[in-house]
Amino acid sequence: TGGRELPVRSYMSAPIRTVAPDEPLDAAAEPLSRHGTSCLLVMEDGRAVGLLTRSDLVDEAGPAGDTLLPPDPAPIASRMTRGVVQVEAAASLADACRTMIEREVHQVV
């Protein structure tokens, strides 16, 4: 079974960095770069409403095909992925992977 039975907490990033949906996209680029994380959890009224990933801030049509979008005052809500799939930190890595496949997501909280 190898590492598949290890708990998710062995692989997860902590603490989870959060932003609000009405914050400007400009505000999200800096924490993603500075903390080397791949996503920010979008919180509204104390509940998780979505994720903003590095991919959400990348201009795939740029010259290198992977350049950050120019500064943008639009709200985070305009680019975030709505909905959050959550797994318990004690869940096995195999269970978390199964959930990701079933729900067709690349990130879980």
PDB file of N, CA and C in Angstrom:
ATOM      1  N   THR A   1       0.807  -1.204   0.000  1.00  0.00           N
ATOM      2  CA  THR A   1       0.000   0.000   0.000  1.00  0.00           C
ATOM      3  C   THR A   1       0.847   1.264   0.000  1.00  0.00           C
ATOM      4  N   GLY A   2       2.076   1.196   0.526  1.00  0.00           N
ATOM      5  CA  GLY A   2       2.967   2.344   0.483  1.00  0.00           C
ATOM      6  C   GLY A   2       2.383   3.549   1.174  1.00  0.00           C
ATOM      7  N   GLY A   3       2.607   4.727   0.583  1.00  0.00           N
ATOM      8  CA  GLY A   3       2.153   5.979   1.164  1.00  0.00           C
ATOM      9  C   GLY A   3       0.674   6.253   1.018  1.00  0.00           C
ATOM     10  N   ARG A   4      -0.028   5.408   0.264  1.00  0.00           N
ATOM     11  CA  ARG A   4      -1.456   5.672   0.030  1.00  0.00           C
ATOM     12  C   ARG A   4      -2.280   5.632   1.303  1.00  0.00           C
ATOM     13  N   GLU A   5      -1.802   4.934   2.323  1.00  0.00           N
ATOM     14  CA  GLU A   5      -2.551   4.849   3.570  1.00  0.00           C
ATOM     15  C   GLU A   5      -2.139   5.912   4.580  1.00  0.00           C
ATOM     16  N   LEU A   6      -1.094   6.677   4.258  1.00  0.00           N
ATOM     17  CA  LEU A   6      -0.715   7.776   5.136  1.00  0.00           C
ATOM     18  C   LEU A   6      -1.840   8.797   5.162  1.00  0.00           C
ATOM     19  N   PRO A   7      -1.981   9.534   6.258  1.00  0.00           N
ATOM     20  CA  PRO A   7      -3.053  10.528   6.314  1.00  0.00           C
ATOM     21  C   PRO A   7      -2.745  11.746   5.449  1.00  0.00           C
ATOM     22  N   VAL A   8      -3.791  12.398   5.010  1.00  0.00           N
ATOM     23  CA  VAL A   8      -3.671  13.607   4.200  1.00  0.00           C
ATOM     24  C   VAL A   8      -2.789  14.627   4.907  1.00  0.00           C
ATOM     25  N   ARG A   9      -2.874  14.714   6.223  1.00  0.00           N
ATOM     26  CA  ARG A   9      -2.087  15.717   6.960  1.00  0.00           C
ATOM     27  C   ARG A   9      -0.585  15.570   6.690  1.00  0.00           C
ATOM     28  N   SER A  10      -0.143  14.384   6.266  1.00  0.00           N
ATOM     29  CA  SER A  10       1.274  14.185   5.951  1.00  0.00           C
ATOM     30  C   SER A  10       1.684  14.901   4.669  1.00  0.00           C
ATOM     31  N   TYR A  11       0.726  15.268   3.844  1.00  0.00           N
ATOM     32  CA  TYR A  11       1.008  15.889   2.542  1.00  0.00           C
ATOM     33  C   TYR A  11       0.459  17.304   2.398  1.00  0.00           C
ATOM     34  N   MET A  12      -0.426  17.704   3.289  1.00  0.00           N
ATOM     35  CA  MET A  12      -1.120  18.975   3.102  1.00  0.00           C
ATOM     36  C   MET A  12      -0.240  20.170   3.437  1.00  0.00           C
ATOM     37  N   SER A  13      -0.610  21.297   2.870  1.00  0.00           N
ATOM     38  CA  SER A  13       0.038  22.562   3.183  1.00  0.00           C
ATOM     39  C   SER A  13      -0.767  23.239   4.288  1.00  0.00           C
ATOM     40  N   ALA A  14      -0.089  23.811   5.242  1.00  0.00           N
ATOM     41  CA  ALA A  14      -0.774  24.526   6.310  1.00  0.00           C
ATOM     42  C   ALA A  14       0.114  25.699   6.717  1.00  0.00           C
ATOM     43  N   PRO A  15      -0.428  26.785   7.129  1.00  0.00           N
ATOM     44  CA  PRO A  15      -1.853  27.050   7.244  1.00  0.00           C
ATOM     45  C   PRO A  15      -2.462  27.352   5.878  1.00  0.00           C
ATOM     46  N   ILE A  16      -3.765  27.253   5.812  1.00  0.00           N
ATOM     47  CA  ILE A  16      -4.486  27.590   4.584  1.00  0.00           C
ATOM     48  C   ILE A  16      -4.577  29.106   4.513  1.00  0.00           C
ATOM     49  N   ARG A  17      -4.172  29.653   3.403  1.00  0.00           N
ATOM     50  CA  ARG A  17      -4.246  31.096   3.188  1.00  0.00           C
ATOM     51  C   ARG A  17      -5.610  31.429   2.595  1.00  0.00           C
ATOM     52  N   THR A  18      -6.219  32.486   3.092  1.00  0.00           N
ATOM     53  CA  THR A  18      -7.569  32.833   2.653  1.00  0.00           C
ATOM     54  C   THR A  18      -7.634  34.248   2.101  1.00  0.00           C
ATOM     55  N   VAL A  19      -8.637  34.467   1.259  1.00  0.00           N
ATOM     56  CA  VAL A  19      -8.953  35.772   0.700  1.00  0.00           C
ATOM     57  C   VAL A  19     -10.471  35.887   0.655  1.00  0.00           C
ATOM     58  N   ALA A  20     -10.948  37.093   0.451  1.00  0.00           N
ATOM     59  CA  ALA A  20     -12.386  37.334   0.316  1.00  0.00           C
ATOM     60  C   ALA A  20     -12.728  37.508  -1.160  1.00  0.00           C
ATOM     61  N   PRO A  21     -13.940  37.125  -1.569  1.00  0.00           N
ATOM     62  CA  PRO A  21     -14.302  37.209  -2.989  1.00  0.00           C
ATOM     63  C   PRO A  21     -14.330  38.623  -3.542  1.00  0.00           C
ATOM     64  N   ASP A  22     -14.493  39.619  -2.671  1.00  0.00           N
ATOM     65  CA  ASP A  22     -14.558  40.995  -3.160  1.00  0.00           C
ATOM     66  C   ASP A  22     -13.197  41.693  -3.181  1.00  0.00           C
ATOM     67  N   GLU A  23     -12.142  41.004  -2.729  1.00  0.00           N
ATOM     68  CA  GLU A  23     -10.791  41.573  -2.821  1.00  0.00           C
ATOM     69  C   GLU A  23     -10.372  41.597  -4.291  1.00  0.00           C
ATOM     70  N   PRO A  24      -9.513  42.550  -4.671  1.00  0.00           N
ATOM     71  CA  PRO A  24      -9.062  42.590  -6.072  1.00  0.00           C
ATOM     72  C   PRO A  24      -8.095  41.446  -6.382  1.00  0.00           C
ATOM     73  N   LEU A  25      -8.115  41.012  -7.622  1.00  0.00           N
ATOM     74  CA  LEU A  25      -7.188  39.970  -8.061  1.00  0.00           C
ATOM     75  C   LEU A  25      -5.742  40.358  -7.765  1.00  0.00           C
ATOM     76  N   ASP A  26      -5.443  41.653  -7.853  1.00  0.00           N
ATOM     77  CA  ASP A  26      -4.095  42.138  -7.552  1.00  0.00           C
ATOM     78  C   ASP A  26      -3.634  41.670  -6.173  1.00  0.00           C
ATOM     79  N   ALA A  27      -4.537  41.635  -5.221  1.00  0.00           N
ATOM     80  CA  ALA A  27      -4.193  41.274  -3.847  1.00  0.00           C
ATOM     81  C   ALA A  27      -3.840  39.797  -3.718  1.00  0.00           C
ATOM     82  N   ALA A  28      -4.285  38.964  -4.640  1.00  0.00           N
ATOM     83  CA  ALA A  28      -4.051  37.520  -4.555  1.00  0.00           C
ATOM     84  C   ALA A  28      -2.703  37.106  -5.142  1.00  0.00           C
ATOM     85  N   ALA A  29      -2.209  37.831  -6.105  1.00  0.00           N
ATOM     86  CA  ALA A  29      -0.969  37.440  -6.778  1.00  0.00           C
ATOM     87  C   ALA A  29       0.206  37.405  -5.807  1.00  0.00           C
ATOM     88  N   GLU A  30       0.296  38.382  -4.940  1.00  0.00           N
ATOM     89  CA  GLU A  30       1.430  38.469  -4.021  1.00  0.00           C
ATOM     90  C   GLU A  30       1.474  37.298  -3.040  1.00  0.00           C
ATOM     91  N   PRO A  31       0.372  36.949  -2.338  1.00  0.00           N
ATOM     92  CA  PRO A  31       0.468  35.805  -1.424  1.00  0.00           C
ATOM     93  C   PRO A  31       0.746  34.487  -2.138  1.00  0.00           C
ATOM     94  N   LEU A  32       0.241  34.324  -3.340  1.00  0.00           N
ATOM     95  CA  LEU A  32       0.522  33.090  -4.079  1.00  0.00           C
ATOM     96  C   LEU A  32       2.013  32.984  -4.390  1.00  0.00           C
ATOM     97  N   SER A  33       2.621  34.093  -4.767  1.00  0.00           N
ATOM     98  CA  SER A  33       4.047  34.091  -5.086  1.00  0.00           C
ATOM     99  C   SER A  33       4.905  33.991  -3.837  1.00  0.00           C
ATOM    100  N   ARG A  34       4.597  34.803  -2.841  1.00  0.00           N
ATOM    101  CA  ARG A  34       5.432  34.873  -1.638  1.00  0.00           C
ATOM    102  C   ARG A  34       5.424  33.576  -0.850  1.00  0.00           C
ATOM    103  N   HIS A  35       4.284  32.915  -0.761  1.00  0.00           N
ATOM    104  CA  HIS A  35       4.182  31.718   0.067  1.00  0.00           C
ATOM    105  C   HIS A  35       4.384  30.423  -0.721  1.00  0.00           C
ATOM    106  N   GLY A  36       4.542  30.532  -2.031  1.00  0.00           N
ATOM    107  CA  GLY A  36       4.790  29.338  -2.840  1.00  0.00           C
ATOM    108  C   GLY A  36       3.650  28.343  -2.798  1.00  0.00           C
ATOM    109  N   THR A  37       2.454  28.832  -2.590  1.00  0.00           N
ATOM    110  CA  THR A  37       1.283  27.961  -2.547  1.00  0.00           C
ATOM    111  C   THR A  37       0.603  27.966  -3.906  1.00  0.00           C
ATOM    112  N   SER A  38      -0.174  26.945  -4.183  1.00  0.00           N
ATOM    113  CA  SER A  38      -0.812  26.857  -5.495  1.00  0.00           C
ATOM    114  C   SER A  38      -2.241  27.395  -5.499  1.00  0.00           C
ATOM    115  N   CYS A  39      -2.808  27.651  -4.300  1.00  0.00           N
ATOM    116  CA  CYS A  39      -4.165  28.182  -4.273  1.00  0.00           C
ATOM    117  C   CYS A  39      -4.450  28.922  -2.977  1.00  0.00           C
ATOM    118  N   LEU A  40      -5.473  29.737  -3.037  1.00  0.00           N
ATOM    119  CA  LEU A  40      -5.984  30.452  -1.874  1.00  0.00           C
ATOM    120  C   LEU A  40      -7.441  30.044  -1.685  1.00  0.00           C
ATOM    121  N   LEU A  41      -7.847  29.858  -0.451  1.00  0.00           N
ATOM    122  CA  LEU A  41      -9.227  29.523  -0.136  1.00  0.00           C
ATOM    123  C   LEU A  41     -10.018  30.819  -0.061  1.00  0.00           C
ATOM    124  N   VAL A  42     -11.127  30.887  -0.792  1.00  0.00           N
ATOM    125  CA  VAL A  42     -11.962  32.086  -0.800  1.00  0.00           C
ATOM    126  C   VAL A  42     -13.059  31.893   0.240  1.00  0.00           C
ATOM    127  N   MET A  43     -13.070  32.800   1.228  1.00  0.00           N
ATOM    128  CA  MET A  43     -14.018  32.716   2.339  1.00  0.00           C
ATOM    129  C   MET A  43     -14.973  33.902   2.306  1.00  0.00           C
ATOM    130  N   GLU A  44     -16.245  33.617   2.578  1.00  0.00           N
ATOM    131  CA  GLU A  44     -17.257  34.664   2.655  1.00  0.00           C
ATOM    132  C   GLU A  44     -18.196  34.329   3.803  1.00  0.00           C
ATOM    133  N   ASP A  45     -18.385  35.270   4.694  1.00  0.00           N
ATOM    134  CA  ASP A  45     -19.250  35.077   5.861  1.00  0.00           C
ATOM    135  C   ASP A  45     -18.900  33.809   6.637  1.00  0.00           C
ATOM    136  N   GLY A  46     -17.599  33.547   6.793  1.00  0.00           N
ATOM    137  CA  GLY A  46     -17.140  32.422   7.587  1.00  0.00           C
ATOM    138  C   GLY A  46     -17.237  31.054   6.932  1.00  0.00           C
ATOM    139  N   ARG A  47     -17.555  31.015   5.639  1.00  0.00           N
ATOM    140  CA  ARG A  47     -17.605  29.713   4.968  1.00  0.00           C
ATOM    141  C   ARG A  47     -16.817  29.743   3.668  1.00  0.00           C
ATOM    142  N   ALA A  48     -16.301  28.573   3.303  1.00  0.00           N
ATOM    143  CA  ALA A  48     -15.520  28.433   2.074  1.00  0.00           C
ATOM    144  C   ALA A  48     -16.460  28.467   0.880  1.00  0.00           C
ATOM    145  N   VAL A  49     -16.198  29.372  -0.068  1.00  0.00           N
ATOM    146  CA  VAL A  49     -17.054  29.496  -1.247  1.00  0.00           C
ATOM    147  C   VAL A  49     -16.327  29.183  -2.544  1.00  0.00           C
ATOM    148  N   GLY A  50     -14.996  29.070  -2.492  1.00  0.00           N
ATOM    149  CA  GLY A  50     -14.270  28.771  -3.725  1.00  0.00           C
ATOM    150  C   GLY A  50     -12.774  28.751  -3.513  1.00  0.00           C
ATOM    151  N   LEU A  51     -12.071  28.543  -4.615  1.00  0.00           N
ATOM    152  CA  LEU A  51     -10.615  28.533  -4.634  1.00  0.00           C
ATOM    153  C   LEU A  51     -10.125  29.452  -5.736  1.00  0.00           C
ATOM    154  N   LEU A  52      -9.023  30.118  -5.480  1.00  0.00           N
ATOM    155  CA  LEU A  52      -8.332  30.883  -6.507  1.00  0.00           C
ATOM    156  C   LEU A  52      -6.961  30.258  -6.642  1.00  0.00           C
ATOM    157  N   THR A  53      -6.643  29.744  -7.820  1.00  0.00           N
ATOM    158  CA  THR A  53      -5.377  29.058  -8.044  1.00  0.00           C
ATOM    159  C   THR A  53      -4.430  29.924  -8.865  1.00  0.00           C
ATOM    160  N   ARG A  54      -3.168  29.521  -8.883  1.00  0.00           N
ATOM    161  CA  ARG A  54      -2.196  30.197  -9.746  1.00  0.00           C
ATOM    162  C   ARG A  54      -2.690  30.192 -11.193  1.00  0.00           C
ATOM    163  N   SER A  55      -3.280  29.093 -11.610  1.00  0.00           N
ATOM    164  CA  SER A  55      -3.785  28.978 -12.989  1.00  0.00           C
ATOM    165  C   SER A  55      -4.835  30.037 -13.296  1.00  0.00           C
ATOM    166  N   ASP A  56      -5.588  30.441 -12.281  1.00  0.00           N
ATOM    167  CA  ASP A  56      -6.608  31.478 -12.485  1.00  0.00           C
ATOM    168  C   ASP A  56      -5.982  32.829 -12.791  1.00  0.00           C
ATOM    169  N   LEU A  57      -4.709  32.992 -12.454  1.00  0.00           N
ATOM    170  CA  LEU A  57      -4.019  34.268 -12.671  1.00  0.00           C
ATOM    171  C   LEU A  57      -3.021  34.222 -13.808  1.00  0.00           C
ATOM    172  N   VAL A  58      -3.043  33.153 -14.589  1.00  0.00           N
ATOM    173  CA  VAL A  58      -2.094  32.982 -15.685  1.00  0.00           C
ATOM    174  C   VAL A  58      -2.772  33.258 -17.018  1.00  0.00           C
ATOM    175  N   ASP A  59      -2.065  33.990 -17.864  1.00  0.00           N
ATOM    176  CA  ASP A  59      -2.540  34.271 -19.216  1.00  0.00           C
ATOM    177  C   ASP A  59      -1.947  33.215 -20.135  1.00  0.00           C
ATOM    178  N   GLU A  60      -2.753  32.212 -20.459  1.00  0.00           N
ATOM    179  CA  GLU A  60      -2.261  31.104 -21.289  1.00  0.00           C
ATOM    180  C   GLU A  60      -1.971  31.530 -22.714  1.00  0.00           C
ATOM    181  N   ALA A  61      -2.466  32.692 -23.107  1.00  0.00           N
ATOM    182  CA  ALA A  61      -2.212  33.178 -24.462  1.00  0.00           C
ATOM    183  C   ALA A  61      -0.965  34.060 -24.518  1.00  0.00           C
ATOM    184  N   GLY A  62      -0.300  34.233 -23.391  1.00  0.00           N
ATOM    185  CA  GLY A  62       0.897  35.069 -23.350  1.00  0.00           C
ATOM    186  C   GLY A  62       2.012  34.494 -24.191  1.00  0.00           C
ATOM    187  N   PRO A  63       3.071  35.267 -24.404  1.00  0.00           N
ATOM    188  CA  PRO A  63       4.161  34.834 -25.272  1.00  0.00           C
ATOM    189  C   PRO A  63       4.806  33.523 -24.827  1.00  0.00           C
ATOM    190  N   ALA A  64       4.914  33.307 -23.531  1.00  0.00           N
ATOM    191  CA  ALA A  64       5.509  32.064 -23.034  1.00  0.00           C
ATOM    192  C   ALA A  64       4.424  31.028 -22.751  1.00  0.00           C
ATOM    193  N   GLY A  65       3.168  31.428 -22.943  1.00  0.00           N
ATOM    194  CA  GLY A  65       2.063  30.519 -22.687  1.00  0.00           C
ATOM    195  C   GLY A  65       1.794  30.319 -21.213  1.00  0.00           C
ATOM    196  N   ASP A  66       2.483  31.074 -20.366  1.00  0.00           N
ATOM    197  CA  ASP A  66       2.338  30.868 -18.936  1.00  0.00           C
ATOM    198  C   ASP A  66       2.759  32.125 -18.177  1.00  0.00           C
ATOM    199  N   THR A  67       2.267  33.295 -18.595  1.00  0.00           N
ATOM    200  CA  THR A  67       2.657  34.535 -17.953  1.00  0.00           C
ATOM    201  C   THR A  67       1.522  35.046 -17.076  1.00  0.00           C
ATOM    202  N   LEU A  68       1.889  35.698 -15.972  1.00  0.00           N
ATOM    203  CA  LEU A  68       0.863  36.247 -15.092  1.00  0.00           C
ATOM    204  C   LEU A  68       0.099  37.338 -15.816  1.00  0.00           C
ATOM    205  N   LEU A  69      -1.191  37.392 -15.542  1.00  0.00           N
ATOM    206  CA  LEU A  69      -2.019  38.437 -16.107  1.00  0.00           C
ATOM    207  C   LEU A  69      -1.522  39.790 -15.622  1.00  0.00           C
ATOM    208  N   PRO A  70      -1.755  40.848 -16.405  1.00  0.00           N
ATOM    209  CA  PRO A  70      -1.366  42.176 -15.926  1.00  0.00           C
ATOM    210  C   PRO A  70      -2.181  42.526 -14.681  1.00  0.00           C
ATOM    211  N   PRO A  71      -1.728  43.521 -13.901  1.00  0.00           N
ATOM    212  CA  PRO A  71      -2.490  43.897 -12.712  1.00  0.00           C
ATOM    213  C   PRO A  71      -3.965  44.095 -13.052  1.00  0.00           C
ATOM    214  N   ASP A  72      -4.818  43.570 -12.185  1.00  0.00           N
ATOM    215  CA  ASP A  72      -6.242  43.578 -12.471  1.00  0.00           C
ATOM    216  C   ASP A  72      -7.019  43.898 -11.197  1.00  0.00           C
ATOM    217  N   PRO A  73      -7.775  45.005 -11.197  1.00  0.00           N
ATOM    218  CA  PRO A  73      -8.545  45.365 -10.009  1.00  0.00           C
ATOM    219  C   PRO A  73      -9.876  44.601  -9.894  1.00  0.00           C
ATOM    220  N   ALA A  74     -10.172  43.728 -10.853  1.00  0.00           N
ATOM    221  CA  ALA A  74     -11.428  42.959 -10.802  1.00  0.00           C
ATOM    222  C   ALA A  74     -11.454  42.132  -9.514  1.00  0.00           C
ATOM    223  N   PRO A  75     -12.642  41.819  -9.010  1.00  0.00           N
ATOM    224  CA  PRO A  75     -12.715  41.031  -7.772  1.00  0.00           C
ATOM    225  C   PRO A  75     -12.295  39.580  -7.990  1.00  0.00           C
ATOM    226  N   ILE A  76     -11.794  38.994  -6.934  1.00  0.00           N
ATOM    227  CA  ILE A  76     -11.391  37.590  -6.956  1.00  0.00           C
ATOM    228  C   ILE A  76     -12.534  36.711  -7.441  1.00  0.00           C
ATOM    229  N   ALA A  77     -13.759  37.052  -7.075  1.00  0.00           N
ATOM    230  CA  ALA A  77     -14.934  36.265  -7.472  1.00  0.00           C
ATOM    231  C   ALA A  77     -15.042  36.118  -8.987  1.00  0.00           C
ATOM    232  N   SER A  78     -14.463  37.037  -9.749  1.00  0.00           N
ATOM    233  CA  SER A  78     -14.572  36.983 -11.209  1.00  0.00           C
ATOM    234  C   SER A  78     -13.727  35.875 -11.828  1.00  0.00           C
ATOM    235  N   ARG A  79     -12.752  35.346 -11.091  1.00  0.00           N
ATOM    236  CA  ARG A  79     -11.877  34.299 -11.634  1.00  0.00           C
ATOM    237  C   ARG A  79     -11.818  33.038 -10.797  1.00  0.00           C
ATOM    238  N   MET A  80     -12.353  33.067  -9.580  1.00  0.00           N
ATOM    239  CA  MET A  80     -12.238  31.908  -8.694  1.00  0.00           C
ATOM    240  C   MET A  80     -13.097  30.744  -9.188  1.00  0.00           C
ATOM    241  N   THR A  81     -12.735  29.561  -8.745  1.00  0.00           N
ATOM    242  CA  THR A  81     -13.544  28.374  -8.994  1.00  0.00           C
ATOM    243  C   THR A  81     -14.493  28.236  -7.821  1.00  0.00           C
ATOM    244  N   ARG A  82     -15.773  28.225  -8.125  1.00  0.00           N
ATOM    245  CA  ARG A  82     -16.776  28.137  -7.057  1.00  0.00           C
ATOM    246  C   ARG A  82     -16.883  26.712  -6.541  1.00  0.00           C
ATOM    247  N   GLY A  83     -17.187  26.621  -5.268  1.00  0.00           N
ATOM    248  CA  GLY A  83     -17.329  25.315  -4.643  1.00  0.00           C
ATOM    249  C   GLY A  83     -15.989  24.819  -4.137  1.00  0.00           C
ATOM    250  N   VAL A  84     -16.026  24.112  -3.042  1.00  0.00           N
ATOM    251  CA  VAL A  84     -14.807  23.592  -2.425  1.00  0.00           C
ATOM    252  C   VAL A  84     -15.072  22.147  -2.027  1.00  0.00           C
ATOM    253  N   VAL A  85     -14.175  21.274  -2.405  1.00  0.00           N
ATOM    254  CA  VAL A  85     -14.261  19.871  -1.990  1.00  0.00           C
ATOM    255  C   VAL A  85     -13.350  19.721  -0.782  1.00  0.00           C
ATOM    256  N   GLN A  86     -13.909  19.229   0.309  1.00  0.00           N
ATOM    257  CA  GLN A  86     -13.148  19.103   1.547  1.00  0.00           C
ATOM    258  C   GLN A  86     -12.948  17.644   1.922  1.00  0.00           C
ATOM    259  N   VAL A  87     -11.788  17.359   2.502  1.00  0.00           N
ATOM    260  CA  VAL A  87     -11.499  16.037   3.059  1.00  0.00           C
ATOM    261  C   VAL A  87     -10.912  16.238   4.447  1.00  0.00           C
ATOM    262  N   GLU A  88     -11.104  15.276   5.301  1.00  0.00           N
ATOM    263  CA  GLU A  88     -10.554  15.338   6.654  1.00  0.00           C
ATOM    264  C   GLU A  88      -9.044  15.128   6.608  1.00  0.00           C
ATOM    265  N   ALA A  89      -8.317  15.804   7.474  1.00  0.00           N
ATOM    266  CA  ALA A  89      -6.864  15.661   7.537  1.00  0.00           C
ATOM    267  C   ALA A  89      -6.463  14.238   7.904  1.00  0.00           C
ATOM    268  N   ALA A  90      -7.337  13.526   8.609  1.00  0.00           N
ATOM    269  CA  ALA A  90      -7.035  12.147   9.014  1.00  0.00           C
ATOM    270  C   ALA A  90      -7.364  11.130   7.924  1.00  0.00           C
ATOM    271  N   ALA A  91      -8.052  11.564   6.861  1.00  0.00           N
ATOM    272  CA  ALA A  91      -8.391  10.638   5.768  1.00  0.00           C
ATOM    273  C   ALA A  91      -7.108  10.132   5.121  1.00  0.00           C
ATOM    274  N   SER A  92      -7.177   8.927   4.560  1.00  0.00           N
ATOM    275  CA  SER A  92      -5.994   8.390   3.880  1.00  0.00           C
ATOM    276  C   SER A  92      -5.778   9.127   2.563  1.00  0.00           C
ATOM    277  N   LEU A  93      -4.545   9.150   2.132  1.00  0.00           N
ATOM    278  CA  LEU A  93      -4.215   9.764   0.854  1.00  0.00           C
ATOM    279  C   LEU A  93      -4.996   9.093  -0.270  1.00  0.00           C
ATOM    280  N   ALA A  94      -5.167   7.772  -0.194  1.00  0.00           N
ATOM    281  CA  ALA A  94      -5.921   7.035  -1.216  1.00  0.00           C
ATOM    282  C   ALA A  94      -7.368   7.514  -1.260  1.00  0.00           C
ATOM    283  N   ASP A  95      -7.981   7.729  -0.099  1.00  0.00           N
ATOM    284  CA  ASP A  95      -9.362   8.220  -0.062  1.00  0.00           C
ATOM    285  C   ASP A  95      -9.463   9.629  -0.637  1.00  0.00           C
ATOM    286  N   ALA A  96      -8.483  10.478  -0.313  1.00  0.00           N
ATOM    287  CA  ALA A  96      -8.483  11.837  -0.850  1.00  0.00           C
ATOM    288  C   ALA A  96      -8.344  11.819  -2.370  1.00  0.00           C
ATOM    289  N   CYS A  97      -7.465  10.974  -2.882  1.00  0.00           N
ATOM    290  CA  CYS A  97      -7.291  10.853  -4.339  1.00  0.00           C
ATOM    291  C   CYS A  97      -8.560  10.346  -5.001  1.00  0.00           C
ATOM    292  N   ARG A  98      -9.202   9.374  -4.379  1.00  0.00           N
ATOM    293  CA  ARG A  98     -10.461   8.845  -4.909  1.00  0.00           C
ATOM    294  C   ARG A  98     -11.517   9.957  -4.972  1.00  0.00           C
ATOM    295  N   THR A  99     -11.588  10.763  -3.919  1.00  0.00           N
ATOM    296  CA  THR A  99     -12.539  11.881  -3.884  1.00  0.00           C
ATOM    297  C   THR A  99     -12.234  12.872  -5.000  1.00  0.00           C
ATOM    298  N   MET A 100     -10.952  13.172  -5.208  1.00  0.00           N
ATOM    299  CA  MET A 100     -10.568  14.112  -6.255  1.00  0.00           C
ATOM    300  C   MET A 100     -10.961  13.595  -7.633  1.00  0.00           C
ATOM    301  N   ILE A 101     -10.775  12.319  -7.858  1.00  0.00           N
ATOM    302  CA  ILE A 101     -11.144  11.719  -9.150  1.00  0.00           C
ATOM    303  C   ILE A 101     -12.656  11.737  -9.332  1.00  0.00           C
ATOM    304  N   GLU A 102     -13.369  11.313  -8.311  1.00  0.00           N
ATOM    305  CA  GLU A 102     -14.834  11.266  -8.395  1.00  0.00           C
ATOM    306  C   GLU A 102     -15.441  12.646  -8.599  1.00  0.00           C
ATOM    307  N   ARG A 103     -14.888  13.656  -7.935  1.00  0.00           N
ATOM    308  CA  ARG A 103     -15.431  15.014  -8.021  1.00  0.00           C
ATOM    309  C   ARG A 103     -14.791  15.829  -9.139  1.00  0.00           C
ATOM    310  N   GLU A 104     -13.795  15.218  -9.815  1.00  0.00           N
ATOM    311  CA  GLU A 104     -13.102  15.847 -10.940  1.00  0.00           C
ATOM    312  C   GLU A 104     -12.509  17.201 -10.550  1.00  0.00           C
ATOM    313  N   VAL A 105     -11.709  17.196  -9.470  1.00  0.00           N
ATOM    314  CA  VAL A 105     -11.041  18.400  -9.006  1.00  0.00           C
ATOM    315  C   VAL A 105      -9.543  18.149  -8.857  1.00  0.00           C
ATOM    316  N   HIS A 106      -8.792  19.225  -8.849  1.00  0.00           N
ATOM    317  CA  HIS A 106      -7.340  19.127  -8.717  1.00  0.00           C
ATOM    318  C   HIS A 106      -6.857  19.555  -7.334  1.00  0.00           C
ATOM    319  N   GLN A 107      -7.738  20.152  -6.558  1.00  0.00           N
ATOM    320  CA  GLN A 107      -7.394  20.639  -5.223  1.00  0.00           C
ATOM    321  C   GLN A 107      -8.497  20.242  -4.248  1.00  0.00           C
ATOM    322  N   VAL A 108      -8.121  19.893  -3.035  1.00  0.00           N
ATOM    323  CA  VAL A 108      -9.079  19.671  -1.949  1.00  0.00           C
ATOM    324  C   VAL A 108      -8.599  20.468  -0.743  1.00  0.00           C
ATOM    325  N   VAL A 109      -9.533  20.802   0.106  1.00  0.00           N
ATOM    326  CA  VAL A 109      -9.230  21.540   1.329  1.00  0.00           C
ATOM    327  C   VAL A 109      -9.481  20.630   2.498  1.00  0.00           C
TER     328      VAL A 109
END
